[in-house]
Amino acid sequence: MKNCEVMDEKEVLQEVNAVDVNSEAAMDKYLGSIGMFRKPVAKDGSCLFRAVAEQVYNTQEKHIDVRHECIHYMRNFREHFEDFVPKPFDHHLYDLHNPKEWAGQVEIKALSLLYRHDIVIYQEVNQSPQNVTNNGFKKKVLLCFSNGNHYDCVYPISFEKNAAIIQCKYLSSHISFVVLQSQSTNLQVCRFCLAIRLACK
């Protein structure tokens, strides 16, 4: 009976310790091994538009604009998209106005043509990414697809390091301004600002 219990415990431990090849942790490990990293995007119906906005406009804040530009483009060139939508096309576009509405392959095709970026998607661990659009554009949008409906951004690790330095310098310069303009003599605030300035040098 003890051996049976130990065996069951071992099986459970193996299951717990085994890395799910489709998990985010496994994907992050794989991307790191090839010099890339996954930047998480909010898990909502706008994740594709957020990820594209960040890589086209350098900010996710424009995700609503990207959604509307996509809808407008699809409406103007409906002959390229209508056959790939299972429901009436105008109804699909109407639904797409809802920020909670998920987007998929048809919208990816439209976004690629609209912004003249080919879209490359990492989906499987230890497998090369898929060039889901092959329009011959030099610029690329790199995405990671998971859970059957979610998109995150993918960048080279060098991008993360450079972005951190730039943001740190920006923050450092603004902290100097805030401290100089502030009437506060709060010692903790001053120490915090000084620590950030020193870390950013």
N, C-alpha and C. Protein backbone atom coordinates (compact mmCIF):
# COMPACT_ATOMS: atom_id res chain seq x y z
N MET A 1 0.84 -1.21 0.00
CA MET A 1 0.00 0.00 0.00
C MET A 1 0.86 1.25 0.00
N LYS A 2 1.98 1.24 0.76
CA LYS A 2 2.86 2.39 0.81
C LYS A 2 3.47 2.65 -0.55
N ASN A 3 3.93 1.52 -1.21
CA ASN A 3 4.52 1.66 -2.53
C ASN A 3 3.54 2.28 -3.51
N CYS A 4 2.29 1.88 -3.40
CA CYS A 4 1.24 2.41 -4.26
C CYS A 4 1.06 3.91 -4.03
N GLU A 5 1.07 4.31 -2.73
CA GLU A 5 0.93 5.73 -2.40
C GLU A 5 2.12 6.53 -2.92
N VAL A 6 3.33 5.97 -2.75
CA VAL A 6 4.52 6.65 -3.24
C VAL A 6 4.47 6.80 -4.74
N MET A 7 4.03 5.75 -5.41
CA MET A 7 3.93 5.77 -6.87
C MET A 7 2.96 6.87 -7.31
N ASP A 8 1.83 6.95 -6.64
CA ASP A 8 0.85 7.98 -6.98
C ASP A 8 1.45 9.38 -6.78
N GLU A 9 2.17 9.54 -5.68
CA GLU A 9 2.79 10.83 -5.38
C GLU A 9 3.82 11.19 -6.45
N LYS A 10 4.61 10.20 -6.86
CA LYS A 10 5.60 10.45 -7.91
C LYS A 10 4.94 10.88 -9.21
N GLU A 11 3.86 10.21 -9.53
CA GLU A 11 3.14 10.54 -10.77
C GLU A 11 2.61 11.98 -10.71
N VAL A 12 2.08 12.33 -9.54
CA VAL A 12 1.57 13.70 -9.36
C VAL A 12 2.70 14.71 -9.49
N LEU A 13 3.83 14.42 -8.84
CA LEU A 13 4.98 15.33 -8.91
C LEU A 13 5.50 15.48 -10.33
N GLN A 14 5.54 14.37 -11.06
CA GLN A 14 5.99 14.44 -12.45
C GLN A 14 5.06 15.31 -13.27
N GLU A 15 3.77 15.17 -12.99
CA GLU A 15 2.79 15.97 -13.73
C GLU A 15 2.93 17.45 -13.40
N VAL A 16 3.14 17.74 -12.10
CA VAL A 16 3.28 19.13 -11.67
C VAL A 16 4.56 19.75 -12.21
N ASN A 17 5.65 18.96 -12.21
CA ASN A 17 6.95 19.49 -12.64
C ASN A 17 7.12 19.52 -14.15
N ALA A 18 6.31 18.74 -14.85
CA ALA A 18 6.42 18.73 -16.31
C ALA A 18 5.96 20.08 -16.85
N VAL A 19 6.76 20.63 -17.77
CA VAL A 19 6.40 21.93 -18.35
C VAL A 19 5.48 21.69 -19.53
N ASP A 20 4.32 22.27 -19.47
CA ASP A 20 3.38 22.19 -20.58
C ASP A 20 4.00 22.92 -21.77
N VAL A 21 4.17 22.20 -22.88
CA VAL A 21 4.86 22.80 -24.03
C VAL A 21 4.08 23.97 -24.62
N ASN A 22 2.80 24.07 -24.32
CA ASN A 22 2.01 25.18 -24.83
C ASN A 22 1.86 26.33 -23.83
N SER A 23 2.51 26.21 -22.66
CA SER A 23 2.35 27.24 -21.64
C SER A 23 3.16 28.48 -21.99
N GLU A 24 2.77 29.59 -21.38
CA GLU A 24 3.49 30.84 -21.59
C GLU A 24 4.94 30.72 -21.12
N ALA A 25 5.14 30.01 -20.00
CA ALA A 25 6.50 29.84 -19.47
C ALA A 25 7.38 29.10 -20.46
N ALA A 26 6.83 28.06 -21.08
CA ALA A 26 7.59 27.30 -22.06
C ALA A 26 7.90 28.15 -23.28
N MET A 27 6.93 28.94 -23.71
CA MET A 27 7.15 29.82 -24.87
C MET A 27 8.19 30.88 -24.54
N ASP A 28 8.12 31.45 -23.32
CA ASP A 28 9.10 32.46 -22.92
C ASP A 28 10.51 31.88 -22.91
N LYS A 29 10.63 30.65 -22.43
CA LYS A 29 11.93 29.99 -22.40
C LYS A 29 12.46 29.76 -23.81
N TYR A 30 11.59 29.31 -24.68
CA TYR A 30 11.98 29.09 -26.08
C TYR A 30 12.39 30.39 -26.75
N LEU A 31 11.57 31.43 -26.59
CA LEU A 31 11.88 32.72 -27.21
C LEU A 31 13.21 33.26 -26.69
N GLY A 32 13.44 33.13 -25.39
CA GLY A 32 14.71 33.56 -24.81
C GLY A 32 15.90 32.84 -25.42
N SER A 33 15.71 31.55 -25.75
CA SER A 33 16.81 30.76 -26.31
C SER A 33 17.17 31.20 -27.72
N ILE A 34 16.26 31.91 -28.39
CA ILE A 34 16.55 32.40 -29.75
C ILE A 34 16.71 33.92 -29.78
N GLY A 35 16.92 34.52 -28.59
CA GLY A 35 17.19 35.96 -28.51
C GLY A 35 15.97 36.85 -28.63
N MET A 36 14.80 36.30 -28.31
CA MET A 36 13.56 37.07 -28.38
C MET A 36 12.87 37.06 -27.02
N PHE A 37 11.88 37.93 -26.84
CA PHE A 37 11.06 37.88 -25.62
C PHE A 37 9.63 38.25 -25.95
N ARG A 38 8.71 37.74 -25.13
CA ARG A 38 7.28 38.00 -25.28
C ARG A 38 6.89 39.13 -24.35
N LYS A 39 6.27 40.16 -24.91
CA LYS A 39 5.76 41.25 -24.08
C LYS A 39 4.25 41.06 -23.94
N PRO A 40 3.77 40.74 -22.74
CA PRO A 40 2.34 40.46 -22.58
C PRO A 40 1.46 41.66 -22.93
N VAL A 41 0.32 41.32 -23.49
CA VAL A 41 -0.71 42.30 -23.85
C VAL A 41 -1.96 41.92 -23.06
N ALA A 42 -2.77 42.90 -22.72
CA ALA A 42 -4.01 42.64 -21.96
C ALA A 42 -4.82 41.55 -22.65
N LYS A 43 -5.32 40.61 -21.85
CA LYS A 43 -6.06 39.47 -22.40
C LYS A 43 -7.53 39.85 -22.54
N ASP A 44 -7.83 40.54 -23.62
CA ASP A 44 -9.21 40.93 -23.90
C ASP A 44 -9.44 40.87 -25.41
N GLY A 45 -10.62 41.26 -25.84
CA GLY A 45 -10.97 41.19 -27.25
C GLY A 45 -10.17 42.10 -28.15
N SER A 46 -9.41 43.00 -27.57
CA SER A 46 -8.61 43.95 -28.36
C SER A 46 -7.13 43.58 -28.42
N CYS A 47 -6.77 42.38 -27.98
CA CYS A 47 -5.34 42.05 -27.88
C CYS A 47 -4.62 42.15 -29.22
N LEU A 48 -5.24 41.69 -30.30
CA LEU A 48 -4.58 41.79 -31.62
C LEU A 48 -4.36 43.25 -31.98
N PHE A 49 -5.37 44.08 -31.78
CA PHE A 49 -5.25 45.49 -32.12
C PHE A 49 -4.25 46.22 -31.22
N ARG A 50 -4.19 45.81 -29.96
CA ARG A 50 -3.20 46.38 -29.04
C ARG A 50 -1.78 46.05 -29.51
N ALA A 51 -1.57 44.79 -29.85
CA ALA A 51 -0.23 44.34 -30.25
C ALA A 51 0.21 45.02 -31.55
N VAL A 52 -0.70 45.14 -32.49
CA VAL A 52 -0.37 45.81 -33.76
C VAL A 52 -0.15 47.30 -33.53
N ALA A 53 -0.98 47.92 -32.71
CA ALA A 53 -0.82 49.35 -32.40
C ALA A 53 0.55 49.63 -31.81
N GLU A 54 0.98 48.76 -30.89
CA GLU A 54 2.27 48.97 -30.26
C GLU A 54 3.41 48.89 -31.27
N GLN A 55 3.31 47.96 -32.21
CA GLN A 55 4.42 47.76 -33.14
C GLN A 55 4.37 48.69 -34.35
N VAL A 56 3.20 49.24 -34.63
CA VAL A 56 3.08 50.20 -35.75
C VAL A 56 3.21 51.64 -35.25
N TYR A 57 2.52 51.94 -34.14
CA TYR A 57 2.49 53.30 -33.60
C TYR A 57 3.33 53.49 -32.33
N ASN A 58 3.95 52.43 -31.87
CA ASN A 58 4.77 52.46 -30.65
C ASN A 58 3.97 52.72 -29.38
N THR A 59 2.68 52.46 -29.41
CA THR A 59 1.85 52.59 -28.21
C THR A 59 0.59 51.76 -28.37
N GLN A 60 0.22 51.07 -27.28
CA GLN A 60 -1.03 50.31 -27.31
C GLN A 60 -2.26 51.21 -27.16
N GLU A 61 -2.04 52.43 -26.76
CA GLU A 61 -3.16 53.36 -26.54
C GLU A 61 -3.98 53.59 -27.80
N LYS A 62 -3.38 53.33 -28.97
CA LYS A 62 -4.09 53.57 -30.23
C LYS A 62 -4.84 52.34 -30.72
N HIS A 63 -5.08 51.37 -29.83
CA HIS A 63 -5.72 50.14 -30.29
C HIS A 63 -7.12 50.36 -30.84
N ILE A 64 -7.86 51.32 -30.30
CA ILE A 64 -9.19 51.61 -30.83
C ILE A 64 -9.07 52.19 -32.24
N ASP A 65 -8.08 53.08 -32.44
CA ASP A 65 -7.85 53.64 -33.78
C ASP A 65 -7.50 52.55 -34.77
N VAL A 66 -6.64 51.63 -34.34
CA VAL A 66 -6.24 50.52 -35.21
C VAL A 66 -7.46 49.66 -35.57
N ARG A 67 -8.30 49.41 -34.60
CA ARG A 67 -9.53 48.64 -34.85
C ARG A 67 -10.40 49.33 -35.89
N HIS A 68 -10.61 50.64 -35.71
CA HIS A 68 -11.47 51.38 -36.64
C HIS A 68 -10.85 51.50 -38.03
N GLU A 69 -9.53 51.68 -38.08
CA GLU A 69 -8.84 51.74 -39.38
C GLU A 69 -8.95 50.40 -40.10
N CYS A 70 -8.88 49.32 -39.35
CA CYS A 70 -9.02 47.99 -39.91
C CYS A 70 -10.43 47.78 -40.50
N ILE A 71 -11.43 48.17 -39.73
CA ILE A 71 -12.82 48.05 -40.18
C ILE A 71 -13.03 48.86 -41.45
N HIS A 72 -12.53 50.08 -41.45
CA HIS A 72 -12.67 50.97 -42.61
C HIS A 72 -11.99 50.36 -43.84
N TYR A 73 -10.81 49.81 -43.64
CA TYR A 73 -10.07 49.20 -44.75
C TYR A 73 -10.83 47.98 -45.29
N MET A 74 -11.35 47.17 -44.40
CA MET A 74 -12.10 45.98 -44.82
C MET A 74 -13.38 46.36 -45.56
N ARG A 75 -14.02 47.43 -45.14
CA ARG A 75 -15.23 47.89 -45.81
C ARG A 75 -14.90 48.40 -47.22
N ASN A 76 -13.79 49.13 -47.34
CA ASN A 76 -13.41 49.69 -48.64
C ASN A 76 -12.93 48.63 -49.62
N PHE A 77 -12.38 47.54 -49.10
CA PHE A 77 -11.84 46.48 -49.96
C PHE A 77 -12.51 45.14 -49.63
N ARG A 78 -13.81 45.20 -49.48
CA ARG A 78 -14.57 44.04 -49.02
C ARG A 78 -14.39 42.82 -49.90
N GLU A 79 -14.10 43.04 -51.20
CA GLU A 79 -13.94 41.91 -52.12
C GLU A 79 -12.77 41.01 -51.73
N HIS A 80 -11.81 41.54 -50.95
CA HIS A 80 -10.67 40.75 -50.50
C HIS A 80 -10.96 39.95 -49.23
N PHE A 81 -12.05 40.28 -48.54
CA PHE A 81 -12.28 39.70 -47.22
C PHE A 81 -13.63 39.00 -47.06
N GLU A 82 -14.62 39.41 -47.83
CA GLU A 82 -15.99 38.97 -47.61
C GLU A 82 -16.14 37.44 -47.67
N ASP A 83 -15.45 36.80 -48.59
CA ASP A 83 -15.59 35.35 -48.75
C ASP A 83 -15.03 34.55 -47.56
N PHE A 84 -14.23 35.21 -46.72
CA PHE A 84 -13.59 34.51 -45.61
C PHE A 84 -14.31 34.71 -44.28
N VAL A 85 -15.44 35.40 -44.33
CA VAL A 85 -16.22 35.67 -43.12
C VAL A 85 -17.47 34.79 -43.15
N PRO A 86 -17.72 33.98 -42.11
CA PRO A 86 -18.83 33.02 -42.15
C PRO A 86 -20.22 33.64 -42.05
N LYS A 87 -20.33 34.87 -41.53
CA LYS A 87 -21.65 35.50 -41.41
C LYS A 87 -21.72 36.68 -42.39
N PRO A 88 -22.89 37.29 -42.53
CA PRO A 88 -22.98 38.45 -43.43
C PRO A 88 -21.90 39.48 -43.11
N PHE A 89 -21.23 39.97 -44.15
CA PHE A 89 -20.03 40.79 -43.98
C PHE A 89 -20.31 42.08 -43.21
N ASP A 90 -21.39 42.77 -43.54
CA ASP A 90 -21.72 44.02 -42.84
C ASP A 90 -22.00 43.77 -41.36
N HIS A 91 -22.60 42.63 -41.07
CA HIS A 91 -22.86 42.27 -39.67
C HIS A 91 -21.54 42.01 -38.94
N HIS A 92 -20.60 41.35 -39.64
CA HIS A 92 -19.28 41.10 -39.06
C HIS A 92 -18.58 42.41 -38.72
N LEU A 93 -18.63 43.37 -39.65
CA LEU A 93 -17.99 44.67 -39.41
C LEU A 93 -18.67 45.42 -38.28
N TYR A 94 -19.99 45.32 -38.21
CA TYR A 94 -20.73 45.96 -37.12
C TYR A 94 -20.29 45.39 -35.78
N ASP A 95 -20.20 44.06 -35.69
CA ASP A 95 -19.77 43.41 -34.44
C ASP A 95 -18.34 43.82 -34.08
N LEU A 96 -17.52 44.00 -35.09
CA LEU A 96 -16.11 44.32 -34.88
C LEU A 96 -15.90 45.69 -34.23
N HIS A 97 -16.91 46.55 -34.29
CA HIS A 97 -16.82 47.86 -33.63
C HIS A 97 -16.77 47.72 -32.10
N ASN A 98 -17.27 46.62 -31.59
CA ASN A 98 -17.28 46.38 -30.14
C ASN A 98 -15.85 46.07 -29.68
N PRO A 99 -15.29 46.86 -28.77
CA PRO A 99 -13.91 46.61 -28.30
C PRO A 99 -13.70 45.24 -27.67
N LYS A 100 -14.79 44.57 -27.29
CA LYS A 100 -14.68 43.24 -26.70
C LYS A 100 -14.71 42.13 -27.75
N GLU A 101 -14.93 42.51 -28.99
CA GLU A 101 -15.02 41.51 -30.07
C GLU A 101 -13.63 41.07 -30.51
N TRP A 102 -13.41 39.77 -30.51
CA TRP A 102 -12.11 39.22 -30.89
C TRP A 102 -11.91 39.32 -32.39
N ALA A 103 -10.67 39.45 -32.80
CA ALA A 103 -10.32 39.48 -34.22
C ALA A 103 -9.51 38.23 -34.56
N GLY A 104 -9.44 37.92 -35.85
CA GLY A 104 -8.74 36.71 -36.25
C GLY A 104 -7.99 36.85 -37.56
N GLN A 105 -7.95 35.76 -38.31
CA GLN A 105 -7.14 35.68 -39.52
C GLN A 105 -7.53 36.72 -40.56
N VAL A 106 -8.82 36.97 -40.72
CA VAL A 106 -9.28 37.95 -41.72
C VAL A 106 -8.76 39.34 -41.37
N GLU A 107 -8.85 39.69 -40.08
CA GLU A 107 -8.36 41.00 -39.64
C GLU A 107 -6.83 41.09 -39.75
N ILE A 108 -6.15 39.98 -39.50
CA ILE A 108 -4.69 39.96 -39.65
C ILE A 108 -4.31 40.28 -41.10
N LYS A 109 -5.00 39.67 -42.03
CA LYS A 109 -4.76 39.94 -43.46
C LYS A 109 -4.98 41.42 -43.77
N ALA A 110 -6.07 41.98 -43.24
CA ALA A 110 -6.38 43.39 -43.48
C ALA A 110 -5.33 44.31 -42.85
N LEU A 111 -4.93 44.02 -41.62
CA LEU A 111 -3.94 44.85 -40.93
C LEU A 111 -2.60 44.82 -41.65
N SER A 112 -2.23 43.68 -42.18
CA SER A 112 -0.98 43.58 -42.92
C SER A 112 -0.99 44.49 -44.15
N LEU A 113 -2.07 44.42 -44.91
CA LEU A 113 -2.17 45.25 -46.12
C LEU A 113 -2.31 46.73 -45.77
N LEU A 114 -3.08 47.02 -44.74
CA LEU A 114 -3.31 48.40 -44.32
C LEU A 114 -2.03 49.10 -43.90
N TYR A 115 -1.23 48.44 -43.06
CA TYR A 115 -0.03 49.07 -42.51
C TYR A 115 1.26 48.68 -43.23
N ARG A 116 1.12 47.82 -44.25
CA ARG A 116 2.27 47.39 -45.04
C ARG A 116 3.36 46.76 -44.16
N HIS A 117 2.91 45.89 -43.27
CA HIS A 117 3.78 45.08 -42.41
C HIS A 117 3.35 43.61 -42.60
N ASP A 118 4.28 42.74 -42.89
CA ASP A 118 3.92 41.32 -42.86
C ASP A 118 3.84 40.88 -41.40
N ILE A 119 3.00 39.90 -41.14
CA ILE A 119 2.76 39.46 -39.77
C ILE A 119 3.30 38.06 -39.58
N VAL A 120 4.15 37.94 -38.56
CA VAL A 120 4.83 36.69 -38.23
C VAL A 120 4.37 36.26 -36.85
N ILE A 121 3.96 34.99 -36.72
CA ILE A 121 3.39 34.53 -35.46
C ILE A 121 4.15 33.33 -34.91
N TYR A 122 4.58 33.47 -33.65
CA TYR A 122 5.13 32.36 -32.88
C TYR A 122 3.96 31.68 -32.18
N GLN A 123 3.82 30.37 -32.44
CA GLN A 123 2.68 29.67 -31.85
C GLN A 123 3.09 28.38 -31.13
N GLU A 124 4.05 27.68 -31.68
CA GLU A 124 4.48 26.41 -31.10
C GLU A 124 5.89 26.52 -30.55
N VAL A 125 6.10 25.98 -29.36
CA VAL A 125 7.42 25.96 -28.75
C VAL A 125 8.36 25.09 -29.59
N ASN A 126 9.59 25.57 -29.75
CA ASN A 126 10.63 24.86 -30.49
C ASN A 126 10.32 24.71 -31.98
N GLN A 127 9.44 25.57 -32.49
CA GLN A 127 9.15 25.57 -33.92
C GLN A 127 9.30 26.98 -34.47
N SER A 128 9.73 27.06 -35.71
CA SER A 128 9.90 28.37 -36.35
C SER A 128 8.55 29.08 -36.43
N PRO A 129 8.57 30.41 -36.40
CA PRO A 129 7.31 31.14 -36.49
C PRO A 129 6.70 31.00 -37.88
N GLN A 130 5.42 31.28 -37.97
CA GLN A 130 4.71 31.20 -39.25
C GLN A 130 4.59 32.60 -39.85
N ASN A 131 4.93 32.70 -41.12
CA ASN A 131 4.68 33.94 -41.86
C ASN A 131 3.23 33.88 -42.34
N VAL A 132 2.33 34.43 -41.54
CA VAL A 132 0.91 34.28 -41.85
C VAL A 132 0.45 35.19 -42.97
N THR A 133 1.23 36.21 -43.27
CA THR A 133 1.00 37.02 -44.48
C THR A 133 2.32 37.03 -45.25
N ASN A 134 2.22 36.93 -46.54
CA ASN A 134 3.40 36.92 -47.40
C ASN A 134 3.24 37.97 -48.49
N ASN A 135 3.17 39.22 -48.04
CA ASN A 135 2.95 40.31 -48.99
C ASN A 135 4.24 40.96 -49.46
N GLY A 136 5.37 40.48 -48.94
CA GLY A 136 6.66 41.01 -49.38
C GLY A 136 7.04 42.33 -48.73
N PHE A 137 6.40 42.68 -47.61
CA PHE A 137 6.74 43.92 -46.92
C PHE A 137 8.02 43.74 -46.12
N LYS A 138 8.84 44.79 -46.08
CA LYS A 138 10.09 44.72 -45.31
C LYS A 138 9.82 44.75 -43.81
N LYS A 139 8.86 45.56 -43.39
CA LYS A 139 8.55 45.68 -41.97
C LYS A 139 7.69 44.50 -41.52
N LYS A 140 7.91 44.08 -40.26
CA LYS A 140 7.20 42.92 -39.71
C LYS A 140 6.54 43.30 -38.38
N VAL A 141 5.41 42.67 -38.13
CA VAL A 141 4.79 42.68 -36.81
C VAL A 141 4.98 41.27 -36.27
N LEU A 142 5.64 41.15 -35.12
CA LEU A 142 5.91 39.84 -34.52
C LEU A 142 4.94 39.60 -33.37
N LEU A 143 4.23 38.49 -33.45
CA LEU A 143 3.22 38.17 -32.45
C LEU A 143 3.43 36.78 -31.89
N CYS A 144 2.89 36.55 -30.71
CA CYS A 144 2.84 35.23 -30.10
C CYS A 144 1.36 34.90 -29.89
N PHE A 145 0.93 33.76 -30.41
CA PHE A 145 -0.48 33.35 -30.31
C PHE A 145 -0.61 32.23 -29.30
N SER A 146 -1.56 32.37 -28.37
CA SER A 146 -1.76 31.34 -27.34
C SER A 146 -3.22 31.24 -26.94
N ASN A 147 -3.55 30.14 -26.31
CA ASN A 147 -4.90 29.89 -25.76
C ASN A 147 -6.01 29.95 -26.81
N GLY A 148 -5.66 29.85 -28.06
CA GLY A 148 -6.66 29.81 -29.12
C GLY A 148 -7.28 31.14 -29.48
N ASN A 149 -6.91 32.21 -28.75
CA ASN A 149 -7.52 33.51 -29.09
C ASN A 149 -6.70 34.72 -28.64
N HIS A 150 -5.49 34.51 -28.13
CA HIS A 150 -4.77 35.64 -27.55
C HIS A 150 -3.46 35.93 -28.28
N TYR A 151 -3.19 37.24 -28.44
CA TYR A 151 -1.96 37.69 -29.09
C TYR A 151 -1.14 38.57 -28.15
N ASP A 152 0.16 38.28 -28.06
CA ASP A 152 1.12 39.13 -27.36
C ASP A 152 2.14 39.63 -28.38
N CYS A 153 2.90 40.66 -28.00
CA CYS A 153 3.98 41.17 -28.85
C CYS A 153 5.23 40.31 -28.66
N VAL A 154 6.05 40.24 -29.69
CA VAL A 154 7.35 39.58 -29.60
C VAL A 154 8.40 40.56 -30.11
N TYR A 155 9.50 40.68 -29.36
CA TYR A 155 10.59 41.59 -29.71
C TYR A 155 11.93 40.88 -29.52
N PRO A 156 12.98 41.38 -30.19
CA PRO A 156 14.33 40.93 -29.86
C PRO A 156 14.68 41.38 -28.44
N ILE A 157 15.48 40.60 -27.73
CA ILE A 157 15.89 40.96 -26.38
C ILE A 157 16.59 42.31 -26.35
N SER A 158 17.33 42.63 -27.41
CA SER A 158 18.03 43.93 -27.48
C SER A 158 17.04 45.09 -27.41
N PHE A 159 15.85 44.91 -27.96
CA PHE A 159 14.82 45.96 -27.91
C PHE A 159 14.43 46.25 -26.47
N GLU A 160 14.26 45.19 -25.68
CA GLU A 160 13.88 45.35 -24.27
C GLU A 160 14.93 46.14 -23.50
N LYS A 161 16.20 45.80 -23.72
CA LYS A 161 17.28 46.49 -23.01
C LYS A 161 17.35 47.95 -23.40
N ASN A 162 17.27 48.24 -24.71
CA ASN A 162 17.33 49.62 -25.19
C ASN A 162 16.14 50.44 -24.72
N ALA A 163 14.95 49.83 -24.75
CA ALA A 163 13.75 50.53 -24.31
C ALA A 163 13.83 50.87 -22.83
N ALA A 164 14.37 49.95 -22.03
CA ALA A 164 14.50 50.19 -20.59
C ALA A 164 15.43 51.36 -20.32
N ILE A 165 16.52 51.44 -21.06
CA ILE A 165 17.48 52.54 -20.88
C ILE A 165 16.84 53.87 -21.26
N ILE A 166 16.13 53.89 -22.39
CA ILE A 166 15.49 55.13 -22.84
C ILE A 166 14.43 55.58 -21.84
N GLN A 167 13.59 54.64 -21.38
CA GLN A 167 12.55 54.98 -20.42
C GLN A 167 13.15 55.46 -19.11
N CYS A 168 14.24 54.83 -18.70
CA CYS A 168 14.89 55.21 -17.46
C CYS A 168 15.44 56.63 -17.55
N LYS A 169 16.08 56.95 -18.69
CA LYS A 169 16.61 58.31 -18.88
C LYS A 169 15.49 59.33 -18.91
N TYR A 170 14.39 58.97 -19.58
CA TYR A 170 13.23 59.86 -19.65
C TYR A 170 12.67 60.10 -18.24
N LEU A 171 12.50 59.01 -17.50
CA LEU A 171 11.98 59.11 -16.13
C LEU A 171 12.92 59.93 -15.27
N SER A 172 14.21 59.70 -15.41
CA SER A 172 15.20 60.42 -14.61
C SER A 172 15.12 61.92 -14.85
N SER A 173 15.03 62.33 -16.12
CA SER A 173 14.97 63.76 -16.43
C SER A 173 13.69 64.39 -15.90
N HIS A 174 12.58 63.64 -15.95
CA HIS A 174 11.32 64.18 -15.46
C HIS A 174 11.28 64.24 -13.94
N ILE A 175 11.94 63.31 -13.29
CA ILE A 175 12.01 63.36 -11.83
C ILE A 175 12.76 64.60 -11.38
N SER A 176 13.84 64.94 -12.11
CA SER A 176 14.58 66.15 -11.77
C SER A 176 13.66 67.36 -11.83
N PHE A 177 12.86 67.41 -12.88
CA PHE A 177 11.95 68.54 -13.07
C PHE A 177 10.92 68.59 -11.95
N VAL A 178 10.34 67.42 -11.62
CA VAL A 178 9.31 67.36 -10.58
C VAL A 178 9.88 67.79 -9.23
N VAL A 179 11.09 67.31 -8.92
CA VAL A 179 11.70 67.67 -7.63
C VAL A 179 11.97 69.16 -7.57
N LEU A 180 12.46 69.73 -8.67
CA LEU A 180 12.76 71.16 -8.69
C LEU A 180 11.50 72.00 -8.57
N GLN A 181 10.40 71.52 -9.20
CA GLN A 181 9.16 72.29 -9.19
C GLN A 181 8.35 72.08 -7.92
N SER A 182 8.64 71.02 -7.19
CA SER A 182 7.83 70.68 -6.03
C SER A 182 8.18 71.56 -4.83
N GLN A 183 7.14 71.92 -4.08
CA GLN A 183 7.34 72.66 -2.84
C GLN A 183 7.53 71.71 -1.67
N SER A 184 7.39 70.39 -1.98
CA SER A 184 7.47 69.39 -0.92
C SER A 184 8.91 69.21 -0.47
N THR A 185 9.08 69.00 0.83
CA THR A 185 10.41 68.71 1.36
C THR A 185 10.43 67.30 1.94
N ASN A 186 9.51 66.47 1.44
CA ASN A 186 9.41 65.10 1.93
C ASN A 186 10.71 64.36 1.65
N LEU A 187 11.39 63.96 2.72
CA LEU A 187 12.69 63.31 2.61
C LEU A 187 12.60 61.98 1.87
N GLN A 188 11.50 61.22 2.08
CA GLN A 188 11.36 59.93 1.40
C GLN A 188 11.24 60.11 -0.10
N VAL A 189 10.50 61.11 -0.54
CA VAL A 189 10.35 61.38 -1.98
C VAL A 189 11.71 61.73 -2.57
N CYS A 190 12.46 62.58 -1.90
CA CYS A 190 13.78 62.98 -2.38
C CYS A 190 14.73 61.78 -2.48
N ARG A 191 14.71 60.91 -1.47
CA ARG A 191 15.56 59.71 -1.50
C ARG A 191 15.18 58.78 -2.66
N PHE A 192 13.87 58.63 -2.86
CA PHE A 192 13.38 57.78 -3.94
C PHE A 192 13.85 58.32 -5.29
N CYS A 193 13.69 59.62 -5.51
CA CYS A 193 14.10 60.25 -6.76
C CYS A 193 15.61 60.13 -6.98
N LEU A 194 16.36 60.35 -5.92
CA LEU A 194 17.82 60.25 -6.02
C LEU A 194 18.22 58.83 -6.37
N ALA A 195 17.56 57.83 -5.78
CA ALA A 195 17.89 56.43 -6.06
C ALA A 195 17.64 56.10 -7.52
N ILE A 196 16.54 56.60 -8.07
CA ILE A 196 16.24 56.34 -9.48
C ILE A 196 17.25 57.03 -10.38
N ARG A 197 17.59 58.27 -10.04
CA ARG A 197 18.58 58.99 -10.86
C ARG A 197 19.92 58.26 -10.87
N LEU A 198 20.35 57.77 -9.73
CA LEU A 198 21.62 57.04 -9.65
C LEU A 198 21.56 55.73 -10.44
N ALA A 199 20.41 55.06 -10.37
CA ALA A 199 20.26 53.78 -11.08
C ALA A 199 20.24 53.99 -12.58
N CYS A 200 19.80 55.16 -13.01
CA CYS A 200 19.65 55.41 -14.46
C CYS A 200 20.93 55.95 -15.09
N LYS A 201 21.95 56.24 -14.30
CA LYS A 201 23.18 56.79 -14.87
C LYS A 201 23.99 55.71 -15.57
